[in-house]
Amino acid sequence: MQQKVGIILIWLKRLAPFVIIAIAYFGNNYYQEKQTEKTESDERRYALITAIAWVGSMKHRDEPNDYICFRDSLLEEHNLSNDSLKMFVASYTDKAEDLGEMAVLIKSYVDSLLKVEDSLGAESLRLDSLEQVADSIADSLATKK
């Protein structure tokens, strides 16, 4: 009996490093996947907020004070501050290759918002101007690449 326990302990000692390495490897992969998901989620969130702000800027183009109130309420609604937006933009200056993807994402959100505004019959908006804004967002972000 004692000999069987000794053999089991020997094999346990031999297998333990491999088990620990496997746990560390899979734990690291899980952590990296979660970080990637969080980053992508934040990017989509910032892109949507940017698109809403662009559409709002066209809506309030003649009333700058109304736009500032709109922008501040938008940021407050999403628990953001100007500083957090600046930090996000600064993080993109280091990753110029990702700007094109962000531009496409923002443009798709702006286009979707325009379609919603159009389907609701929002006559106070100049849709051709909004489309130009959406295109200028995509172009300006793509040129910073």
N, C-alpha and C. Protein backbone atom coordinates (compact mmCIF):
# COMPACT_ATOMS: atom_id res chain seq x y z
N MET A 1 0.81 -1.19 0.00
CA MET A 1 0.00 0.00 0.00
C MET A 1 0.87 1.26 0.00
N GLN A 2 1.89 1.25 0.86
CA GLN A 2 2.77 2.39 0.95
C GLN A 2 3.57 2.56 -0.34
N GLN A 3 3.85 1.49 -1.01
CA GLN A 3 4.58 1.54 -2.28
C GLN A 3 3.71 2.18 -3.36
N LYS A 4 2.38 1.89 -3.34
CA LYS A 4 1.47 2.50 -4.33
C LYS A 4 1.35 4.00 -4.10
N VAL A 5 1.30 4.39 -2.84
CA VAL A 5 1.23 5.82 -2.53
C VAL A 5 2.51 6.51 -2.98
N GLY A 6 3.64 5.88 -2.78
CA GLY A 6 4.93 6.45 -3.21
C GLY A 6 4.98 6.62 -4.71
N ILE A 7 4.48 5.64 -5.47
CA ILE A 7 4.46 5.72 -6.93
C ILE A 7 3.53 6.85 -7.39
N ILE A 8 2.40 6.97 -6.73
CA ILE A 8 1.44 8.04 -7.09
C ILE A 8 2.07 9.41 -6.82
N LEU A 9 2.74 9.55 -5.71
CA LEU A 9 3.39 10.83 -5.40
C LEU A 9 4.50 11.16 -6.39
N ILE A 10 5.24 10.15 -6.82
CA ILE A 10 6.29 10.38 -7.82
C ILE A 10 5.66 10.89 -9.12
N TRP A 11 4.58 10.25 -9.57
CA TRP A 11 3.92 10.69 -10.80
C TRP A 11 3.27 12.05 -10.62
N LEU A 12 2.75 12.30 -9.44
CA LEU A 12 2.15 13.61 -9.16
C LEU A 12 3.22 14.71 -9.24
N LYS A 13 4.40 14.44 -8.71
CA LYS A 13 5.50 15.40 -8.79
C LYS A 13 5.93 15.63 -10.24
N ARG A 14 5.89 14.59 -11.04
CA ARG A 14 6.29 14.72 -12.45
C ARG A 14 5.24 15.47 -13.27
N LEU A 15 3.97 15.26 -12.96
CA LEU A 15 2.89 15.88 -13.73
C LEU A 15 2.55 17.29 -13.25
N ALA A 16 2.83 17.61 -12.02
CA ALA A 16 2.47 18.92 -11.45
C ALA A 16 2.97 20.10 -12.28
N PRO A 17 4.23 20.13 -12.72
CA PRO A 17 4.66 21.28 -13.52
C PRO A 17 3.87 21.44 -14.82
N PHE A 18 3.54 20.32 -15.46
CA PHE A 18 2.76 20.40 -16.71
C PHE A 18 1.35 20.91 -16.45
N VAL A 19 0.77 20.48 -15.35
CA VAL A 19 -0.57 20.93 -14.99
C VAL A 19 -0.54 22.43 -14.68
N ILE A 20 0.46 22.86 -13.94
CA ILE A 20 0.58 24.29 -13.61
C ILE A 20 0.79 25.12 -14.86
N ILE A 21 1.64 24.65 -15.76
CA ILE A 21 1.88 25.37 -17.01
C ILE A 21 0.60 25.43 -17.85
N ALA A 22 -0.15 24.34 -17.91
CA ALA A 22 -1.40 24.32 -18.68
C ALA A 22 -2.42 25.29 -18.07
N ILE A 23 -2.52 25.31 -16.76
CA ILE A 23 -3.46 26.24 -16.10
C ILE A 23 -3.06 27.68 -16.38
N ALA A 24 -1.76 27.98 -16.28
CA ALA A 24 -1.28 29.33 -16.55
C ALA A 24 -1.54 29.73 -18.01
N TYR A 25 -1.30 28.80 -18.94
CA TYR A 25 -1.51 29.08 -20.36
C TYR A 25 -2.98 29.39 -20.65
N PHE A 26 -3.88 28.53 -20.18
CA PHE A 26 -5.30 28.74 -20.44
C PHE A 26 -5.84 29.95 -19.69
N GLY A 27 -5.31 30.21 -18.50
CA GLY A 27 -5.71 31.41 -17.76
C GLY A 27 -5.30 32.67 -18.49
N ASN A 28 -4.09 32.68 -19.04
CA ASN A 28 -3.60 33.83 -19.79
C ASN A 28 -4.45 34.05 -21.05
N ASN A 29 -4.77 32.97 -21.77
CA ASN A 29 -5.62 33.09 -22.97
C ASN A 29 -6.99 33.66 -22.61
N TYR A 30 -7.57 33.19 -21.52
CA TYR A 30 -8.88 33.67 -21.09
C TYR A 30 -8.81 35.16 -20.77
N TYR A 31 -7.77 35.57 -20.05
CA TYR A 31 -7.60 36.98 -19.69
C TYR A 31 -7.44 37.85 -20.94
N GLN A 32 -6.64 37.40 -21.89
CA GLN A 32 -6.44 38.17 -23.12
C GLN A 32 -7.73 38.30 -23.92
N GLU A 33 -8.53 37.23 -23.98
CA GLU A 33 -9.81 37.30 -24.68
C GLU A 33 -10.73 38.32 -24.03
N LYS A 34 -10.79 38.31 -22.72
CA LYS A 34 -11.65 39.27 -22.00
C LYS A 34 -11.18 40.70 -22.23
N GLN A 35 -9.87 40.93 -22.23
CA GLN A 35 -9.34 42.26 -22.48
C GLN A 35 -9.67 42.72 -23.91
N THR A 36 -9.57 41.82 -24.87
CA THR A 36 -9.89 42.14 -26.26
C THR A 36 -11.37 42.49 -26.39
N GLU A 37 -12.23 41.70 -25.76
CA GLU A 37 -13.67 41.98 -25.79
C GLU A 37 -13.97 43.34 -25.17
N LYS A 38 -13.31 43.66 -24.05
CA LYS A 38 -13.54 44.94 -23.39
C LYS A 38 -13.08 46.09 -24.27
N THR A 39 -11.93 45.94 -24.91
CA THR A 39 -11.41 46.97 -25.80
C THR A 39 -12.35 47.20 -26.98
N GLU A 40 -12.82 46.11 -27.59
CA GLU A 40 -13.74 46.24 -28.72
C GLU A 40 -15.06 46.86 -28.28
N SER A 41 -15.52 46.50 -27.11
CA SER A 41 -16.75 47.07 -26.59
C SER A 41 -16.59 48.58 -26.35
N ASP A 42 -15.45 48.98 -25.79
CA ASP A 42 -15.19 50.40 -25.57
C ASP A 42 -15.10 51.15 -26.90
N GLU A 43 -14.46 50.54 -27.90
CA GLU A 43 -14.34 51.18 -29.21
C GLU A 43 -15.71 51.39 -29.83
N ARG A 44 -16.58 50.36 -29.75
CA ARG A 44 -17.94 50.51 -30.30
C ARG A 44 -18.70 51.60 -29.55
N ARG A 45 -18.53 51.64 -28.24
CA ARG A 45 -19.22 52.64 -27.42
C ARG A 45 -18.77 54.05 -27.79
N TYR A 46 -17.47 54.26 -27.87
CA TYR A 46 -16.96 55.58 -28.24
C TYR A 46 -17.36 55.96 -29.67
N ALA A 47 -17.38 55.00 -30.57
CA ALA A 47 -17.80 55.28 -31.94
C ALA A 47 -19.26 55.71 -31.99
N LEU A 48 -20.10 55.04 -31.23
CA LEU A 48 -21.52 55.41 -31.20
C LEU A 48 -21.71 56.79 -30.60
N ILE A 49 -21.01 57.08 -29.52
CA ILE A 49 -21.12 58.40 -28.89
C ILE A 49 -20.62 59.48 -29.84
N THR A 50 -19.54 59.20 -30.57
CA THR A 50 -19.02 60.15 -31.55
C THR A 50 -20.04 60.39 -32.65
N ALA A 51 -20.67 59.33 -33.13
CA ALA A 51 -21.68 59.46 -34.19
C ALA A 51 -22.87 60.28 -33.70
N ILE A 52 -23.32 60.02 -32.50
CA ILE A 52 -24.45 60.78 -31.95
C ILE A 52 -24.07 62.25 -31.81
N ALA A 53 -22.84 62.52 -31.37
CA ALA A 53 -22.38 63.90 -31.24
C ALA A 53 -22.32 64.60 -32.60
N TRP A 54 -21.87 63.88 -33.64
CA TRP A 54 -21.82 64.49 -34.97
C TRP A 54 -23.22 64.80 -35.48
N VAL A 55 -24.13 63.88 -35.31
CA VAL A 55 -25.51 64.13 -35.75
C VAL A 55 -26.10 65.29 -34.94
N GLY A 56 -25.81 65.29 -33.64
CA GLY A 56 -26.29 66.39 -32.79
C GLY A 56 -25.70 67.72 -33.18
N SER A 57 -24.45 67.73 -33.63
CA SER A 57 -23.83 69.00 -34.04
C SER A 57 -24.53 69.57 -35.27
N MET A 58 -25.02 68.69 -36.13
CA MET A 58 -25.77 69.19 -37.29
C MET A 58 -27.16 69.66 -36.89
N LYS A 59 -27.75 68.99 -35.93
CA LYS A 59 -29.07 69.37 -35.45
C LYS A 59 -29.03 70.74 -34.78
N HIS A 60 -27.97 71.00 -34.06
CA HIS A 60 -27.84 72.25 -33.30
C HIS A 60 -26.81 73.17 -33.92
N ARG A 61 -26.66 73.13 -35.24
CA ARG A 61 -25.61 73.89 -35.90
C ARG A 61 -25.78 75.40 -35.75
N ASP A 62 -27.01 75.87 -35.56
CA ASP A 62 -27.24 77.30 -35.44
C ASP A 62 -27.31 77.77 -33.98
N GLU A 63 -27.34 76.82 -33.05
CA GLU A 63 -27.42 77.16 -31.63
C GLU A 63 -26.26 76.49 -30.88
N PRO A 64 -25.09 77.13 -30.83
CA PRO A 64 -23.94 76.49 -30.19
C PRO A 64 -24.16 76.20 -28.70
N ASN A 65 -24.90 77.05 -28.02
CA ASN A 65 -25.16 76.81 -26.59
C ASN A 65 -26.02 75.56 -26.40
N ASP A 66 -26.99 75.36 -27.29
CA ASP A 66 -27.81 74.15 -27.22
C ASP A 66 -26.98 72.91 -27.49
N TYR A 67 -26.02 73.04 -28.42
CA TYR A 67 -25.16 71.89 -28.70
C TYR A 67 -24.29 71.54 -27.50
N ILE A 68 -23.76 72.54 -26.84
CA ILE A 68 -22.92 72.28 -25.67
C ILE A 68 -23.73 71.57 -24.60
N CYS A 69 -24.97 72.00 -24.39
CA CYS A 69 -25.85 71.32 -23.43
C CYS A 69 -26.12 69.89 -23.88
N PHE A 70 -26.37 69.71 -25.18
CA PHE A 70 -26.61 68.36 -25.73
C PHE A 70 -25.38 67.48 -25.53
N ARG A 71 -24.21 68.00 -25.86
CA ARG A 71 -22.97 67.23 -25.73
C ARG A 71 -22.71 66.85 -24.27
N ASP A 72 -22.89 67.81 -23.38
CA ASP A 72 -22.65 67.53 -21.96
C ASP A 72 -23.63 66.49 -21.42
N SER A 73 -24.88 66.58 -21.84
CA SER A 73 -25.86 65.58 -21.38
C SER A 73 -25.56 64.21 -21.98
N LEU A 74 -25.07 64.18 -23.22
CA LEU A 74 -24.69 62.91 -23.84
C LEU A 74 -23.53 62.27 -23.08
N LEU A 75 -22.52 63.07 -22.76
CA LEU A 75 -21.38 62.54 -22.02
C LEU A 75 -21.79 62.08 -20.63
N GLU A 76 -22.64 62.86 -19.99
CA GLU A 76 -23.11 62.49 -18.65
C GLU A 76 -23.93 61.21 -18.68
N GLU A 77 -24.76 61.07 -19.70
CA GLU A 77 -25.59 59.87 -19.85
C GLU A 77 -24.73 58.62 -19.97
N HIS A 78 -23.57 58.75 -20.60
CA HIS A 78 -22.69 57.60 -20.81
C HIS A 78 -21.53 57.56 -19.82
N ASN A 79 -21.64 58.37 -18.76
CA ASN A 79 -20.62 58.41 -17.71
C ASN A 79 -19.23 58.69 -18.25
N LEU A 80 -19.14 59.69 -19.11
CA LEU A 80 -17.85 60.07 -19.70
C LEU A 80 -17.55 61.52 -19.34
N SER A 81 -16.29 61.86 -19.45
CA SER A 81 -15.87 63.24 -19.28
C SER A 81 -15.01 63.62 -20.48
N ASN A 82 -14.73 64.90 -20.60
CA ASN A 82 -13.86 65.33 -21.69
C ASN A 82 -12.48 64.71 -21.56
N ASP A 83 -12.03 64.54 -20.33
CA ASP A 83 -10.70 63.95 -20.10
C ASP A 83 -10.65 62.49 -20.58
N SER A 84 -11.72 61.73 -20.31
CA SER A 84 -11.71 60.33 -20.75
C SER A 84 -11.74 60.23 -22.27
N LEU A 85 -12.45 61.16 -22.91
CA LEU A 85 -12.44 61.17 -24.38
C LEU A 85 -11.06 61.53 -24.91
N LYS A 86 -10.40 62.48 -24.27
CA LYS A 86 -9.06 62.86 -24.70
C LYS A 86 -8.09 61.70 -24.54
N MET A 87 -8.24 60.94 -23.46
CA MET A 87 -7.38 59.77 -23.24
C MET A 87 -7.63 58.73 -24.32
N PHE A 88 -8.88 58.54 -24.70
CA PHE A 88 -9.20 57.57 -25.75
C PHE A 88 -8.59 58.01 -27.08
N VAL A 89 -8.73 59.28 -27.40
CA VAL A 89 -8.14 59.79 -28.65
C VAL A 89 -6.63 59.67 -28.61
N ALA A 90 -6.02 59.95 -27.47
CA ALA A 90 -4.57 59.82 -27.34
C ALA A 90 -4.12 58.38 -27.54
N SER A 91 -4.93 57.43 -27.09
CA SER A 91 -4.56 56.03 -27.29
C SER A 91 -4.59 55.65 -28.77
N TYR A 92 -5.41 56.34 -29.54
CA TYR A 92 -5.47 56.06 -30.98
C TYR A 92 -4.35 56.72 -31.75
N THR A 93 -3.71 57.72 -31.21
CA THR A 93 -2.59 58.32 -31.92
C THR A 93 -1.43 57.35 -32.01
N ASP A 94 -1.35 56.42 -31.05
CA ASP A 94 -0.30 55.41 -31.08
C ASP A 94 -0.65 54.26 -32.03
N LYS A 95 -1.93 54.06 -32.31
CA LYS A 95 -2.38 52.94 -33.16
C LYS A 95 -3.00 53.48 -34.44
N ALA A 96 -2.22 54.14 -35.24
CA ALA A 96 -2.74 54.77 -36.45
C ALA A 96 -3.36 53.75 -37.41
N GLU A 97 -2.89 52.51 -37.39
CA GLU A 97 -3.44 51.50 -38.30
C GLU A 97 -4.88 51.15 -37.97
N ASP A 98 -5.32 51.41 -36.74
CA ASP A 98 -6.70 51.10 -36.34
C ASP A 98 -7.66 52.24 -36.63
N LEU A 99 -7.15 53.40 -37.03
CA LEU A 99 -8.03 54.54 -37.27
C LEU A 99 -9.01 54.29 -38.41
N GLY A 100 -8.57 53.58 -39.42
CA GLY A 100 -9.46 53.28 -40.54
C GLY A 100 -10.65 52.45 -40.10
N GLU A 101 -10.40 51.46 -39.25
CA GLU A 101 -11.50 50.63 -38.74
C GLU A 101 -12.46 51.47 -37.91
N MET A 102 -11.90 52.37 -37.10
CA MET A 102 -12.75 53.23 -36.27
C MET A 102 -13.57 54.17 -37.15
N ALA A 103 -12.97 54.68 -38.22
CA ALA A 103 -13.68 55.57 -39.14
C ALA A 103 -14.85 54.85 -39.80
N VAL A 104 -14.62 53.61 -40.21
CA VAL A 104 -15.70 52.82 -40.83
C VAL A 104 -16.81 52.58 -39.83
N LEU A 105 -16.45 52.29 -38.59
CA LEU A 105 -17.45 52.04 -37.55
C LEU A 105 -18.27 53.30 -37.27
N ILE A 106 -17.59 54.44 -37.14
CA ILE A 106 -18.30 55.70 -36.90
C ILE A 106 -19.21 56.02 -38.08
N LYS A 107 -18.71 55.83 -39.30
CA LYS A 107 -19.51 56.12 -40.48
C LYS A 107 -20.75 55.23 -40.53
N SER A 108 -20.61 53.97 -40.17
CA SER A 108 -21.78 53.08 -40.18
C SER A 108 -22.80 53.53 -39.14
N TYR A 109 -22.33 53.97 -37.98
CA TYR A 109 -23.26 54.47 -36.96
C TYR A 109 -23.94 55.76 -37.42
N VAL A 110 -23.18 56.66 -38.03
CA VAL A 110 -23.77 57.91 -38.52
C VAL A 110 -24.80 57.60 -39.60
N ASP A 111 -24.46 56.69 -40.51
CA ASP A 111 -25.41 56.32 -41.56
C ASP A 111 -26.68 55.72 -40.95
N SER A 112 -26.52 54.89 -39.95
CA SER A 112 -27.70 54.30 -39.29
C SER A 112 -28.54 55.37 -38.61
N LEU A 113 -27.87 56.30 -37.95
CA LEU A 113 -28.61 57.39 -37.30
C LEU A 113 -29.34 58.25 -38.33
N LEU A 114 -28.68 58.48 -39.47
CA LEU A 114 -29.32 59.25 -40.53
C LEU A 114 -30.57 58.54 -41.05
N LYS A 115 -30.47 57.22 -41.20
CA LYS A 115 -31.63 56.46 -41.67
C LYS A 115 -32.77 56.53 -40.67
N VAL A 116 -32.44 56.47 -39.40
CA VAL A 116 -33.47 56.58 -38.37
C VAL A 116 -34.10 57.96 -38.40
N GLU A 117 -33.27 59.00 -38.48
CA GLU A 117 -33.79 60.37 -38.55
C GLU A 117 -34.67 60.54 -39.79
N ASP A 118 -34.21 59.96 -40.90
CA ASP A 118 -34.97 60.07 -42.15
C ASP A 118 -36.30 59.33 -42.04
N SER A 119 -36.29 58.16 -41.44
CA SER A 119 -37.53 57.40 -41.34
C SER A 119 -38.51 58.05 -40.38
N LEU A 120 -37.99 58.83 -39.42
CA LEU A 120 -38.87 59.55 -38.51
C LEU A 120 -39.37 60.85 -39.11
N GLY A 121 -38.80 61.22 -40.24
CA GLY A 121 -39.24 62.43 -40.93
C GLY A 121 -38.72 63.70 -40.27
N ALA A 122 -37.51 63.65 -39.79
CA ALA A 122 -36.94 64.83 -39.14
C ALA A 122 -36.58 65.85 -40.21
N GLU A 123 -37.44 66.84 -40.36
CA GLU A 123 -37.23 67.83 -41.41
C GLU A 123 -36.28 68.95 -40.98
N SER A 124 -36.01 69.05 -39.70
CA SER A 124 -35.13 70.11 -39.26
C SER A 124 -33.67 69.82 -39.61
N LEU A 125 -33.38 68.59 -39.98
CA LEU A 125 -32.02 68.23 -40.34
C LEU A 125 -31.82 68.33 -41.84
N ARG A 126 -30.67 68.77 -42.24
CA ARG A 126 -30.31 68.69 -43.64
C ARG A 126 -29.54 67.40 -43.82
N LEU A 127 -30.19 66.39 -44.38
CA LEU A 127 -29.59 65.07 -44.46
C LEU A 127 -28.37 65.05 -45.37
N ASP A 128 -28.38 65.88 -46.41
CA ASP A 128 -27.21 65.90 -47.28
C ASP A 128 -26.00 66.42 -46.51
N SER A 129 -26.20 67.38 -45.62
CA SER A 129 -25.10 67.88 -44.80
C SER A 129 -24.62 66.83 -43.83
N LEU A 130 -25.54 66.08 -43.25
CA LEU A 130 -25.16 65.02 -42.32
C LEU A 130 -24.36 63.93 -43.02
N GLU A 131 -24.73 63.63 -44.25
CA GLU A 131 -23.97 62.62 -44.99
C GLU A 131 -22.57 63.13 -45.29
N GLN A 132 -22.45 64.42 -45.56
CA GLN A 132 -21.13 64.99 -45.78
C GLN A 132 -20.29 64.92 -44.50
N VAL A 133 -20.95 65.14 -43.36
CA VAL A 133 -20.25 65.04 -42.08
C VAL A 133 -19.76 63.61 -41.87
N ALA A 134 -20.61 62.64 -42.15
CA ALA A 134 -20.23 61.24 -41.98
C ALA A 134 -19.05 60.90 -42.88
N ASP A 135 -19.08 61.38 -44.12
CA ASP A 135 -17.96 61.12 -45.03
C ASP A 135 -16.70 61.82 -44.57
N SER A 136 -16.85 63.04 -44.03
CA SER A 136 -15.65 63.76 -43.57
C SER A 136 -15.04 63.09 -42.35
N ILE A 137 -15.87 62.48 -41.51
CA ILE A 137 -15.34 61.74 -40.35
C ILE A 137 -14.47 60.60 -40.87
N ALA A 138 -15.04 59.83 -41.77
CA ALA A 138 -14.31 58.68 -42.30
C ALA A 138 -13.03 59.11 -42.99
N ASP A 139 -13.10 60.18 -43.78
CA ASP A 139 -11.91 60.65 -44.50
C ASP A 139 -10.83 61.18 -43.55
N SER A 140 -11.25 61.98 -42.55
CA SER A 140 -10.26 62.58 -41.66
C SER A 140 -9.59 61.51 -40.79
N LEU A 141 -10.35 60.53 -40.34
CA LEU A 141 -9.74 59.47 -39.54
C LEU A 141 -8.87 58.57 -40.39
N ALA A 142 -9.26 58.34 -41.64
CA ALA A 142 -8.47 57.48 -42.52
C ALA A 142 -7.16 58.14 -42.93
N THR A 143 -7.16 59.46 -43.08
CA THR A 143 -5.94 60.16 -43.49
C THR A 143 -4.92 60.23 -42.37
N LYS A 144 -5.36 60.10 -41.11
CA LYS A 144 -4.42 60.11 -39.98
C LYS A 144 -3.69 58.80 -39.84
N LYS A 145 -4.05 57.84 -40.64
CA LYS A 145 -3.46 56.50 -40.61
C LYS A 145 -2.00 56.52 -40.79
